[in-house]
Amino acid sequence: MDEEFWYCLKHHEVEGRQGCRNADRLGPYATREEAAHALDKVAERNEEWDNDPKWNDKPGEGS
């Protein structure tokens, strides 16, 4: 990966390698476009995990 991008959770913008500390951002991503949609990806994954029966933590359900 020649150039990498991160999505900064503090500033709500895409940053390069010299941005904020890693604890405050998501990535790295291969493209600026991917980094710009980082929160969309997080929402998609959360929705998938919330509805995954293998990770259901409701009492009396699952294994």
PDB file of N, CA and C in Angstrom:
ATOM      1  N   MET A   1       0.847  -1.168   0.000  1.00  0.00           N
ATOM      2  CA  MET A   1       0.000   0.000   0.000  1.00  0.00           C
ATOM      3  C   MET A   1       0.897   1.237   0.000  1.00  0.00           C
ATOM      4  N   ASP A   2       0.900   1.966  -1.073  1.00  0.00           N
ATOM      5  CA  ASP A   2       1.736   3.162  -1.151  1.00  0.00           C
ATOM      6  C   ASP A   2       1.196   4.279  -0.279  1.00  0.00           C
ATOM      7  N   GLU A   3      -0.093   4.514  -0.396  1.00  0.00           N
ATOM      8  CA  GLU A   3      -0.724   5.581   0.378  1.00  0.00           C
ATOM      9  C   GLU A   3      -1.885   4.975   1.149  1.00  0.00           C
ATOM     10  N   GLU A   4      -2.039   5.385   2.398  1.00  0.00           N
ATOM     11  CA  GLU A   4      -3.117   4.880   3.234  1.00  0.00           C
ATOM     12  C   GLU A   4      -3.913   6.058   3.782  1.00  0.00           C
ATOM     13  N   PHE A   5      -5.176   5.770   4.099  1.00  0.00           N
ATOM     14  CA  PHE A   5      -6.072   6.803   4.602  1.00  0.00           C
ATOM     15  C   PHE A   5      -6.817   6.286   5.824  1.00  0.00           C
ATOM     16  N   TRP A   6      -7.159   7.192   6.720  1.00  0.00           N
ATOM     17  CA  TRP A   6      -7.908   6.882   7.927  1.00  0.00           C
ATOM     18  C   TRP A   6      -9.091   7.840   8.028  1.00  0.00           C
ATOM     19  N   TYR A   7     -10.116   7.412   8.766  1.00  0.00           N
ATOM     20  CA  TYR A   7     -11.242   8.297   9.063  1.00  0.00           C
ATOM     21  C   TYR A   7     -11.080   8.735  10.515  1.00  0.00           C
ATOM     22  N   CYS A   8     -10.943  10.026  10.734  1.00  0.00           N
ATOM     23  CA  CYS A   8     -10.754  10.576  12.071  1.00  0.00           C
ATOM     24  C   CYS A   8     -12.099  10.725  12.773  1.00  0.00           C
ATOM     25  N   LEU A   9     -12.229  10.089  13.933  1.00  0.00           N
ATOM     26  CA  LEU A   9     -13.471  10.150  14.701  1.00  0.00           C
ATOM     27  C   LEU A   9     -13.614  11.462  15.474  1.00  0.00           C
ATOM     28  N   LYS A  10     -12.522  12.168  15.687  1.00  0.00           N
ATOM     29  CA  LYS A  10     -12.572  13.462  16.374  1.00  0.00           C
ATOM     30  C   LYS A  10     -12.974  14.586  15.417  1.00  0.00           C
ATOM     31  N   HIS A  11     -12.403  14.575  14.230  1.00  0.00           N
ATOM     32  CA  HIS A  11     -12.614  15.668  13.275  1.00  0.00           C
ATOM     33  C   HIS A  11     -13.612  15.332  12.170  1.00  0.00           C
ATOM     34  N   HIS A  12     -14.021  14.069  12.107  1.00  0.00           N
ATOM     35  CA  HIS A  12     -14.996  13.598  11.112  1.00  0.00           C
ATOM     36  C   HIS A  12     -14.548  13.904   9.691  1.00  0.00           C
ATOM     37  N   GLU A  13     -13.287  13.544   9.427  1.00  0.00           N
ATOM     38  CA  GLU A  13     -12.750  13.736   8.081  1.00  0.00           C
ATOM     39  C   GLU A  13     -11.666  12.712   7.791  1.00  0.00           C
ATOM     40  N   VAL A  14     -11.365  12.542   6.527  1.00  0.00           N
ATOM     41  CA  VAL A  14     -10.331  11.611   6.089  1.00  0.00           C
ATOM     42  C   VAL A  14      -8.956  12.246   6.309  1.00  0.00           C
ATOM     43  N   GLU A  15      -8.025  11.418   6.813  1.00  0.00           N
ATOM     44  CA  GLU A  15      -6.672  11.881   7.071  1.00  0.00           C
ATOM     45  C   GLU A  15      -5.671  10.938   6.418  1.00  0.00           C
ATOM     46  N   GLY A  16      -4.484  11.459   6.213  1.00  0.00           N
ATOM     47  CA  GLY A  16      -3.368  10.642   5.759  1.00  0.00           C
ATOM     48  C   GLY A  16      -2.628  10.064   6.937  1.00  0.00           C
ATOM     49  N   ARG A  17      -1.493   9.479   6.663  1.00  0.00           N
ATOM     50  CA  ARG A  17      -0.675   8.817   7.689  1.00  0.00           C
ATOM     51  C   ARG A  17      -0.341   9.736   8.868  1.00  0.00           C
ATOM     52  N   GLN A  18      -0.123  11.003   8.642  1.00  0.00           N
ATOM     53  CA  GLN A  18       0.301  11.930   9.693  1.00  0.00           C
ATOM     54  C   GLN A  18      -0.874  12.589  10.428  1.00  0.00           C
ATOM     55  N   GLY A  19      -2.017  11.943  10.463  1.00  0.00           N
ATOM     56  CA  GLY A  19      -3.183  12.516  11.133  1.00  0.00           C
ATOM     57  C   GLY A  19      -3.165  12.281  12.636  1.00  0.00           C
ATOM     58  N   CYS A  20      -4.333  12.243  13.209  1.00  0.00           N
ATOM     59  CA  CYS A  20      -4.493  12.042  14.651  1.00  0.00           C
ATOM     60  C   CYS A  20      -3.986  10.661  15.063  1.00  0.00           C
ATOM     61  N   ARG A  21      -3.939  10.434  16.373  1.00  0.00           N
ATOM     62  CA  ARG A  21      -3.463   9.143  16.869  1.00  0.00           C
ATOM     63  C   ARG A  21      -4.438   8.038  16.467  1.00  0.00           C
ATOM     64  N   ASN A  22      -3.939   6.835  16.314  1.00  0.00           N
ATOM     65  CA  ASN A  22      -4.745   5.726  15.822  1.00  0.00           C
ATOM     66  C   ASN A  22      -5.949   5.413  16.705  1.00  0.00           C
ATOM     67  N   ALA A  23      -5.870   5.692  17.990  1.00  0.00           N
ATOM     68  CA  ALA A  23      -6.992   5.438  18.885  1.00  0.00           C
ATOM     69  C   ALA A  23      -8.206   6.304  18.539  1.00  0.00           C
ATOM     70  N   ASP A  24      -7.988   7.377  17.792  1.00  0.00           N
ATOM     71  CA  ASP A  24      -9.068   8.300  17.444  1.00  0.00           C
ATOM     72  C   ASP A  24      -9.513   8.170  15.994  1.00  0.00           C
ATOM     73  N   ARG A  25      -9.117   7.073  15.325  1.00  0.00           N
ATOM     74  CA  ARG A  25      -9.491   6.962  13.926  1.00  0.00           C
ATOM     75  C   ARG A  25      -9.667   5.517  13.496  1.00  0.00           C
ATOM     76  N   LEU A  26     -10.338   5.327  12.370  1.00  0.00           N
ATOM     77  CA  LEU A  26     -10.584   4.015  11.782  1.00  0.00           C
ATOM     78  C   LEU A  26      -9.708   3.852  10.555  1.00  0.00           C
ATOM     79  N   GLY A  27      -9.178   2.673  10.354  1.00  0.00           N
ATOM     80  CA  GLY A  27      -8.368   2.409   9.175  1.00  0.00           C
ATOM     81  C   GLY A  27      -7.149   1.599   9.539  1.00  0.00           C
ATOM     82  N   PRO A  28      -6.261   1.453   8.617  1.00  0.00           N
ATOM     83  CA  PRO A  28      -6.141   2.211   7.367  1.00  0.00           C
ATOM     84  C   PRO A  28      -6.997   1.633   6.242  1.00  0.00           C
ATOM     85  N   TYR A  29      -7.291   2.477   5.292  1.00  0.00           N
ATOM     86  CA  TYR A  29      -8.024   2.122   4.077  1.00  0.00           C
ATOM     87  C   TYR A  29      -7.127   2.400   2.879  1.00  0.00           C
ATOM     88  N   ALA A  30      -7.347   1.660   1.814  1.00  0.00           N
ATOM     89  CA  ALA A  30      -6.512   1.783   0.616  1.00  0.00           C
ATOM     90  C   ALA A  30      -6.799   3.049  -0.169  1.00  0.00           C
ATOM     91  N   THR A  31      -8.034   3.561  -0.060  1.00  0.00           N
ATOM     92  CA  THR A  31      -8.392   4.753  -0.832  1.00  0.00           C
ATOM     93  C   THR A  31      -9.066   5.784   0.065  1.00  0.00           C
ATOM     94  N   ARG A  32      -9.026   7.017  -0.380  1.00  0.00           N
ATOM     95  CA  ARG A  32      -9.706   8.109   0.320  1.00  0.00           C
ATOM     96  C   ARG A  32     -11.218   7.839   0.367  1.00  0.00           C
ATOM     97  N   GLU A  33     -11.752   7.295  -0.723  1.00  0.00           N
ATOM     98  CA  GLU A  33     -13.187   6.982  -0.819  1.00  0.00           C
ATOM     99  C   GLU A  33     -13.606   5.958   0.241  1.00  0.00           C
ATOM    100  N   GLU A  34     -12.833   4.895   0.389  1.00  0.00           N
ATOM    101  CA  GLU A  34     -13.134   3.884   1.405  1.00  0.00           C
ATOM    102  C   GLU A  34     -13.123   4.503   2.797  1.00  0.00           C
ATOM    103  N   ALA A  35     -12.139   5.306   3.087  1.00  0.00           N
ATOM    104  CA  ALA A  35     -12.048   5.946   4.399  1.00  0.00           C
ATOM    105  C   ALA A  35     -13.234   6.878   4.639  1.00  0.00           C
ATOM    106  N   ALA A  36     -13.670   7.571   3.601  1.00  0.00           N
ATOM    107  CA  ALA A  36     -14.798   8.499   3.728  1.00  0.00           C
ATOM    108  C   ALA A  36     -16.090   7.765   4.099  1.00  0.00           C
ATOM    109  N   HIS A  37     -16.169   6.478   3.766  1.00  0.00           N
ATOM    110  CA  HIS A  37     -17.374   5.689   4.048  1.00  0.00           C
ATOM    111  C   HIS A  37     -17.177   4.731   5.225  1.00  0.00           C
ATOM    112  N   ALA A  38     -16.187   5.005   6.066  1.00  0.00           N
ATOM    113  CA  ALA A  38     -15.875   4.130   7.190  1.00  0.00           C
ATOM    114  C   ALA A  38     -17.055   3.971   8.142  1.00  0.00           C
ATOM    115  N   LEU A  39     -17.755   5.044   8.440  1.00  0.00           N
ATOM    116  CA  LEU A  39     -18.883   4.939   9.376  1.00  0.00           C
ATOM    117  C   LEU A  39     -20.046   4.158   8.779  1.00  0.00           C
ATOM    118  N   ASP A  40     -20.207   4.222   7.460  1.00  0.00           N
ATOM    119  CA  ASP A  40     -21.229   3.409   6.804  1.00  0.00           C
ATOM    120  C   ASP A  40     -20.915   1.928   6.987  1.00  0.00           C
ATOM    121  N   LYS A  41     -19.646   1.578   6.824  1.00  0.00           N
ATOM    122  CA  LYS A  41     -19.214   0.188   6.987  1.00  0.00           C
ATOM    123  C   LYS A  41     -19.415  -0.277   8.420  1.00  0.00           C
ATOM    124  N   VAL A  42     -19.120   0.587   9.376  1.00  0.00           N
ATOM    125  CA  VAL A  42     -19.331   0.259  10.787  1.00  0.00           C
ATOM    126  C   VAL A  42     -20.817  -0.015  11.044  1.00  0.00           C
ATOM    127  N   ALA A  43     -21.686   0.821  10.524  1.00  0.00           N
ATOM    128  CA  ALA A  43     -23.134   0.638  10.709  1.00  0.00           C
ATOM    129  C   ALA A  43     -23.607  -0.673  10.078  1.00  0.00           C
ATOM    130  N   GLU A  44     -23.099  -0.982   8.882  1.00  0.00           N
ATOM    131  CA  GLU A  44     -23.467  -2.241   8.217  1.00  0.00           C
ATOM    132  C   GLU A  44     -23.055  -3.439   9.068  1.00  0.00           C
ATOM    133  N   ARG A  45     -21.831  -3.414   9.558  1.00  0.00           N
ATOM    134  CA  ARG A  45     -21.338  -4.541  10.360  1.00  0.00           C
ATOM    135  C   ARG A  45     -22.100  -4.662  11.667  1.00  0.00           C
ATOM    136  N   ASN A  46     -22.399  -3.545  12.315  1.00  0.00           N
ATOM    137  CA  ASN A  46     -23.171  -3.594  13.552  1.00  0.00           C
ATOM    138  C   ASN A  46     -24.543  -4.209  13.324  1.00  0.00           C
ATOM    139  N   GLU A  47     -25.182  -3.839  12.229  1.00  0.00           N
ATOM    140  CA  GLU A  47     -26.494  -4.394  11.891  1.00  0.00           C
ATOM    141  C   GLU A  47     -26.395  -5.902  11.673  1.00  0.00           C
ATOM    142  N   GLU A  48     -25.372  -6.339  10.938  1.00  0.00           N
ATOM    143  CA  GLU A  48     -25.177  -7.770  10.703  1.00  0.00           C
ATOM    144  C   GLU A  48     -24.951  -8.510  12.021  1.00  0.00           C
ATOM    145  N   TRP A  49     -24.098  -7.975  12.873  1.00  0.00           N
ATOM    146  CA  TRP A  49     -23.795  -8.638  14.139  1.00  0.00           C
ATOM    147  C   TRP A  49     -24.987  -8.620  15.084  1.00  0.00           C
ATOM    148  N   ASP A  50     -25.765  -7.538  15.084  1.00  0.00           N
ATOM    149  CA  ASP A  50     -26.951  -7.468  15.937  1.00  0.00           C
ATOM    150  C   ASP A  50     -27.967  -8.538  15.567  1.00  0.00           C
ATOM    151  N   ASN A  51     -27.976  -8.954  14.312  1.00  0.00           N
ATOM    152  CA  ASN A  51     -28.950  -9.932  13.837  1.00  0.00           C
ATOM    153  C   ASN A  51     -28.356 -11.313  13.594  1.00  0.00           C
ATOM    154  N   ASP A  52     -27.137 -11.552  14.046  1.00  0.00           N
ATOM    155  CA  ASP A  52     -26.475 -12.845  13.876  1.00  0.00           C
ATOM    156  C   ASP A  52     -26.855 -13.745  15.043  1.00  0.00           C
ATOM    157  N   PRO A  53     -27.551 -14.862  14.762  1.00  0.00           N
ATOM    158  CA  PRO A  53     -27.994 -15.734  15.861  1.00  0.00           C
ATOM    159  C   PRO A  53     -26.841 -16.337  16.661  1.00  0.00           C
ATOM    160  N   LYS A  54     -25.651 -16.429  16.082  1.00  0.00           N
ATOM    161  CA  LYS A  54     -24.496 -16.956  16.820  1.00  0.00           C
ATOM    162  C   LYS A  54     -24.055 -15.997  17.917  1.00  0.00           C
ATOM    163  N   TRP A  55     -24.439 -14.719  17.830  1.00  0.00           N
ATOM    164  CA  TRP A  55     -24.019 -13.728  18.801  1.00  0.00           C
ATOM    165  C   TRP A  55     -25.199 -13.170  19.574  1.00  0.00           C
ATOM    166  N   ASN A  56     -26.290 -13.906  19.601  1.00  0.00           N
ATOM    167  CA  ASN A  56     -27.481 -13.466  20.298  1.00  0.00           C
ATOM    168  C   ASN A  56     -27.258 -13.620  21.804  1.00  0.00           C
ATOM    169  N   ASP A  57     -27.365 -12.547  22.547  1.00  0.00           N
ATOM    170  CA  ASP A  57     -27.131 -12.625  23.994  1.00  0.00           C
ATOM    171  C   ASP A  57     -28.398 -12.397  24.813  1.00  0.00           C
ATOM    172  N   LYS A  58     -29.558 -12.631  24.183  1.00  0.00           N
ATOM    173  CA  LYS A  58     -30.819 -12.526  24.921  1.00  0.00           C
ATOM    174  C   LYS A  58     -30.963 -13.759  25.812  1.00  0.00           C
ATOM    175  N   PRO A  59     -31.375 -13.591  27.065  1.00  0.00           N
ATOM    176  CA  PRO A  59     -31.523 -14.733  27.977  1.00  0.00           C
ATOM    177  C   PRO A  59     -32.453 -15.804  27.402  1.00  0.00           C
ATOM    178  N   GLY A  60     -32.034 -17.061  27.527  1.00  0.00           N
ATOM    179  CA  GLY A  60     -32.874 -18.172  27.084  1.00  0.00           C
ATOM    180  C   GLY A  60     -32.771 -18.479  25.606  1.00  0.00           C
ATOM    181  N   GLU A  61     -31.983 -17.741  24.841  1.00  0.00           N
ATOM    182  CA  GLU A  61     -31.836 -17.992  23.414  1.00  0.00           C
ATOM    183  C   GLU A  61     -30.381 -18.303  23.114  1.00  0.00           C
ATOM    184  N   GLY A  62     -30.159 -18.993  22.034  1.00  0.00           N
ATOM    185  CA  GLY A  62     -28.796 -19.302  21.631  1.00  0.00           C
ATOM    186  C   GLY A  62     -28.262 -20.492  22.394  1.00  0.00           C
ATOM    187  N   SER A  63     -26.932 -20.643  22.412  1.00  0.00           N
ATOM    188  CA  SER A  63     -26.360 -21.825  23.065  1.00  0.00           C
ATOM    189  C   SER A  63     -26.064 -21.598  24.519  1.00  0.00           C
TER     190      SER A  63
END
